[in-house]
């Protein structure tokens, strides 16, 4: 099911909604074997660490706020996976 940018506007990744292409919902199971509904799509371009650019990256969006609940820990804004790092 394709997702419109307006449907994503009120979500935690709403700032990227207008840039996301081919967005759909998908089921994703984590290490805990629990299946969650996530949004997947393609970002035409994304920059990391200043000028390091990645083009046409397949991305998955999910709420990872639970990773930031440890007091005094570094804030995690996202996780880069194998497709980006390879």
N, C-alpha and C. Protein backbone atom coordinates (compact mmCIF):
# COMPACT_ATOMS: atom_id res chain seq x y z
N UNK A 1 0.84 -1.17 0.00
CA UNK A 1 0.00 0.00 0.00
C UNK A 1 0.89 1.25 0.00
N UNK A 2 0.75 2.09 -1.02
CA UNK A 2 1.53 3.32 -1.10
C UNK A 2 1.03 4.32 -0.05
N UNK A 3 1.97 5.08 0.51
CA UNK A 3 1.65 6.04 1.56
C UNK A 3 1.89 7.45 1.02
N UNK A 4 0.96 8.35 1.23
CA UNK A 4 1.14 9.73 0.78
C UNK A 4 1.96 10.52 1.79
N UNK A 5 2.60 11.58 1.31
CA UNK A 5 3.40 12.45 2.19
C UNK A 5 2.52 13.06 3.27
N UNK A 6 1.27 13.38 2.95
CA UNK A 6 0.39 13.98 3.95
C UNK A 6 0.06 12.99 5.07
N UNK A 7 0.02 11.70 4.77
CA UNK A 7 -0.24 10.69 5.80
C UNK A 7 0.93 10.56 6.77
N UNK A 8 2.13 10.86 6.31
CA UNK A 8 3.33 10.77 7.15
C UNK A 8 3.62 12.06 7.90
N UNK A 9 2.97 13.15 7.51
CA UNK A 9 3.30 14.47 8.06
C UNK A 9 3.23 14.55 9.58
N UNK A 10 2.30 13.87 10.21
CA UNK A 10 2.14 13.96 11.66
C UNK A 10 2.94 12.93 12.43
N UNK A 11 3.80 12.19 11.77
CA UNK A 11 4.56 11.12 12.43
C UNK A 11 5.94 11.59 12.83
N UNK A 12 6.70 10.73 13.53
CA UNK A 12 8.04 11.11 13.99
C UNK A 12 9.02 11.32 12.83
N UNK A 13 8.73 10.83 11.64
CA UNK A 13 9.60 11.05 10.49
C UNK A 13 8.94 11.97 9.47
N UNK A 14 8.01 12.78 9.93
CA UNK A 14 7.28 13.70 9.06
C UNK A 14 8.16 14.66 8.30
N UNK A 15 9.32 15.04 8.85
CA UNK A 15 10.23 15.95 8.17
C UNK A 15 10.79 15.37 6.88
N UNK A 16 10.81 14.05 6.77
CA UNK A 16 11.32 13.40 5.57
C UNK A 16 10.21 12.98 4.62
N UNK A 17 8.98 13.17 5.03
CA UNK A 17 7.83 12.68 4.26
C UNK A 17 7.82 13.18 2.83
N UNK A 18 8.13 14.44 2.61
CA UNK A 18 8.08 14.99 1.25
C UNK A 18 9.21 14.47 0.38
N UNK A 19 10.26 13.94 0.98
CA UNK A 19 11.40 13.42 0.22
C UNK A 19 11.31 11.92 -0.05
N UNK A 20 10.52 11.21 0.72
CA UNK A 20 10.45 9.76 0.63
C UNK A 20 9.71 9.33 -0.64
N UNK A 21 10.31 8.42 -1.40
CA UNK A 21 9.73 7.92 -2.64
C UNK A 21 9.33 6.45 -2.46
N UNK A 22 8.35 6.02 -3.19
CA UNK A 22 7.92 4.61 -3.19
C UNK A 22 7.64 4.10 -1.78
N UNK A 23 7.00 4.91 -0.97
CA UNK A 23 6.77 4.54 0.43
C UNK A 23 5.61 3.56 0.57
N UNK A 24 5.82 2.55 1.40
CA UNK A 24 4.81 1.53 1.68
C UNK A 24 4.95 1.09 3.13
N UNK A 25 3.94 0.40 3.63
CA UNK A 25 4.04 -0.23 4.95
C UNK A 25 4.63 -1.63 4.76
N UNK A 26 5.39 -2.08 5.75
CA UNK A 26 5.96 -3.43 5.71
C UNK A 26 5.98 -3.99 7.13
N UNK A 27 6.06 -5.31 7.23
CA UNK A 27 6.18 -5.97 8.53
C UNK A 27 7.66 -6.26 8.77
N UNK A 28 8.14 -5.94 9.97
CA UNK A 28 9.54 -6.14 10.31
C UNK A 28 9.61 -6.81 11.68
N UNK A 29 10.40 -7.88 11.77
CA UNK A 29 10.59 -8.58 13.05
C UNK A 29 11.98 -8.27 13.57
N UNK A 30 12.07 -7.90 14.83
CA UNK A 30 13.35 -7.59 15.45
C UNK A 30 13.95 -8.78 16.16
N UNK A 31 14.98 -8.54 16.95
CA UNK A 31 15.66 -9.59 17.69
C UNK A 31 14.72 -10.25 18.70
N UNK A 32 13.68 -9.53 19.12
CA UNK A 32 12.72 -10.09 20.08
C UNK A 32 11.63 -10.93 19.40
N UNK A 33 11.73 -11.10 18.08
CA UNK A 33 10.78 -11.88 17.27
C UNK A 33 9.38 -11.28 17.20
N UNK A 34 9.20 -10.08 17.71
CA UNK A 34 7.91 -9.40 17.62
C UNK A 34 7.85 -8.67 16.27
N UNK A 35 6.76 -8.87 15.55
CA UNK A 35 6.58 -8.22 14.25
C UNK A 35 5.92 -6.87 14.45
N UNK A 36 6.48 -5.84 13.79
CA UNK A 36 5.95 -4.48 13.87
C UNK A 36 5.69 -3.96 12.46
N UNK A 37 4.74 -3.06 12.35
CA UNK A 37 4.50 -2.40 11.08
C UNK A 37 5.41 -1.19 10.99
N UNK A 38 6.15 -1.08 9.89
CA UNK A 38 7.08 0.02 9.68
C UNK A 38 6.79 0.65 8.33
N UNK A 39 7.37 1.80 8.10
CA UNK A 39 7.29 2.47 6.80
C UNK A 39 8.61 2.26 6.09
N UNK A 40 8.55 1.84 4.84
CA UNK A 40 9.77 1.70 4.05
C UNK A 40 9.65 2.56 2.80
N UNK A 41 10.78 2.96 2.27
CA UNK A 41 10.78 3.78 1.07
C UNK A 41 12.20 4.11 0.66
N UNK A 42 12.31 4.94 -0.35
CA UNK A 42 13.62 5.31 -0.89
C UNK A 42 13.84 6.80 -0.67
N UNK A 43 15.00 7.14 -0.12
CA UNK A 43 15.40 8.55 -0.02
C UNK A 43 16.31 8.84 -1.21
N UNK A 44 15.97 9.83 -2.04
CA UNK A 44 16.79 10.13 -3.21
C UNK A 44 18.24 10.48 -2.84
N UNK A 45 18.41 11.20 -1.73
CA UNK A 45 19.76 11.55 -1.28
C UNK A 45 19.73 11.77 0.22
N UNK A 46 20.82 11.36 0.86
CA UNK A 46 20.94 11.57 2.30
C UNK A 46 22.40 11.86 2.59
N UNK A 47 22.65 12.81 3.49
CA UNK A 47 24.02 13.17 3.85
C UNK A 47 24.29 12.82 5.30
N UNK A 48 25.44 12.22 5.54
CA UNK A 48 25.89 11.86 6.88
C UNK A 48 27.27 12.44 7.11
N UNK A 49 27.58 12.76 8.33
CA UNK A 49 28.92 13.24 8.71
C UNK A 49 29.40 14.35 7.78
N UNK A 50 28.59 15.37 7.62
CA UNK A 50 28.99 16.50 6.79
C UNK A 50 28.64 16.31 5.34
N UNK A 51 29.64 15.97 4.51
CA UNK A 51 29.41 15.91 3.06
C UNK A 51 29.38 14.50 2.50
N UNK A 52 29.32 13.49 3.34
CA UNK A 52 29.25 12.11 2.88
C UNK A 52 27.83 11.84 2.37
N UNK A 53 27.67 11.74 1.04
CA UNK A 53 26.34 11.62 0.44
C UNK A 53 26.05 10.20 -0.01
N UNK A 54 24.82 9.77 0.20
CA UNK A 54 24.34 8.48 -0.26
C UNK A 54 23.12 8.74 -1.13
N UNK A 55 23.07 8.11 -2.30
CA UNK A 55 21.96 8.32 -3.23
C UNK A 55 21.08 7.09 -3.31
N UNK A 56 19.78 7.33 -3.51
CA UNK A 56 18.77 6.28 -3.69
C UNK A 56 18.87 5.18 -2.64
N UNK A 57 18.85 5.57 -1.38
CA UNK A 57 18.95 4.62 -0.27
C UNK A 57 17.58 4.08 0.13
N UNK A 58 17.48 2.76 0.20
CA UNK A 58 16.28 2.13 0.73
C UNK A 58 16.31 2.32 2.24
N UNK A 59 15.21 2.77 2.81
CA UNK A 59 15.16 3.07 4.24
C UNK A 59 13.93 2.44 4.88
N UNK A 60 14.03 2.23 6.18
CA UNK A 60 12.92 1.74 6.99
C UNK A 60 12.81 2.68 8.17
N UNK A 61 11.59 3.12 8.48
CA UNK A 61 11.35 4.02 9.59
C UNK A 61 10.55 3.32 10.67
N UNK A 62 11.02 3.43 11.89
CA UNK A 62 10.33 2.85 13.03
C UNK A 62 10.67 3.69 14.26
N UNK A 63 9.83 3.65 15.24
CA UNK A 63 10.08 4.39 16.48
C UNK A 63 11.14 3.65 17.30
N UNK A 64 12.29 4.29 17.51
CA UNK A 64 13.37 3.67 18.30
C UNK A 64 13.62 4.45 19.59
N UNK A 65 12.60 5.19 20.04
CA UNK A 65 12.76 6.02 21.24
C UNK A 65 13.12 5.19 22.47
N UNK A 66 12.73 3.92 22.49
CA UNK A 66 13.07 3.07 23.64
C UNK A 66 14.58 2.89 23.81
N UNK A 67 15.34 3.11 22.74
CA UNK A 67 16.80 2.99 22.81
C UNK A 67 17.43 4.17 23.54
N UNK A 68 16.69 5.25 23.72
CA UNK A 68 17.21 6.45 24.37
C UNK A 68 16.72 6.62 25.81
N UNK A 69 16.18 5.59 26.40
CA UNK A 69 15.64 5.70 27.76
C UNK A 69 16.68 5.55 28.85
N UNK A 70 17.89 5.15 28.53
CA UNK A 70 18.95 5.02 29.53
C UNK A 70 19.47 6.41 29.88
N UNK A 71 19.43 6.77 31.13
CA UNK A 71 19.90 8.09 31.56
C UNK A 71 21.39 8.25 31.31
N UNK A 72 21.77 9.39 30.78
CA UNK A 72 23.17 9.69 30.55
C UNK A 72 23.76 9.06 29.30
N UNK A 73 22.98 8.29 28.57
CA UNK A 73 23.49 7.64 27.36
C UNK A 73 23.46 8.62 26.19
N UNK A 74 24.28 8.34 25.18
CA UNK A 74 24.27 9.13 23.96
C UNK A 74 22.95 8.93 23.24
N UNK A 75 22.37 10.00 22.73
CA UNK A 75 21.10 9.93 22.02
C UNK A 75 21.29 9.26 20.66
N UNK A 76 20.46 8.27 20.36
CA UNK A 76 20.51 7.57 19.08
C UNK A 76 19.41 8.13 18.19
N UNK A 77 19.79 8.66 17.03
CA UNK A 77 18.81 9.24 16.11
C UNK A 77 18.43 8.28 14.99
N UNK A 78 19.27 7.29 14.74
CA UNK A 78 18.99 6.33 13.67
C UNK A 78 20.02 5.23 13.68
N UNK A 79 19.75 4.21 12.91
CA UNK A 79 20.65 3.06 12.83
C UNK A 79 20.94 2.79 11.36
N UNK A 80 22.21 2.75 10.99
CA UNK A 80 22.61 2.42 9.62
C UNK A 80 22.80 0.91 9.52
N UNK A 81 22.23 0.31 8.50
CA UNK A 81 22.30 -1.14 8.34
C UNK A 81 23.27 -1.58 7.26
N UNK A 82 23.26 -2.86 7.01
CA UNK A 82 24.19 -3.48 6.07
C UNK A 82 24.18 -2.86 4.68
N UNK A 83 23.00 -2.59 4.07
CA UNK A 83 23.02 -2.02 2.72
C UNK A 83 23.80 -0.71 2.61
N UNK A 84 23.74 0.11 3.64
CA UNK A 84 24.47 1.38 3.61
C UNK A 84 25.95 1.19 3.90
N UNK A 85 26.26 0.28 4.79
CA UNK A 85 27.65 0.10 5.22
C UNK A 85 28.47 -0.79 4.30
N UNK A 86 27.83 -1.48 3.39
CA UNK A 86 28.58 -2.40 2.51
C UNK A 86 29.02 -1.73 1.23
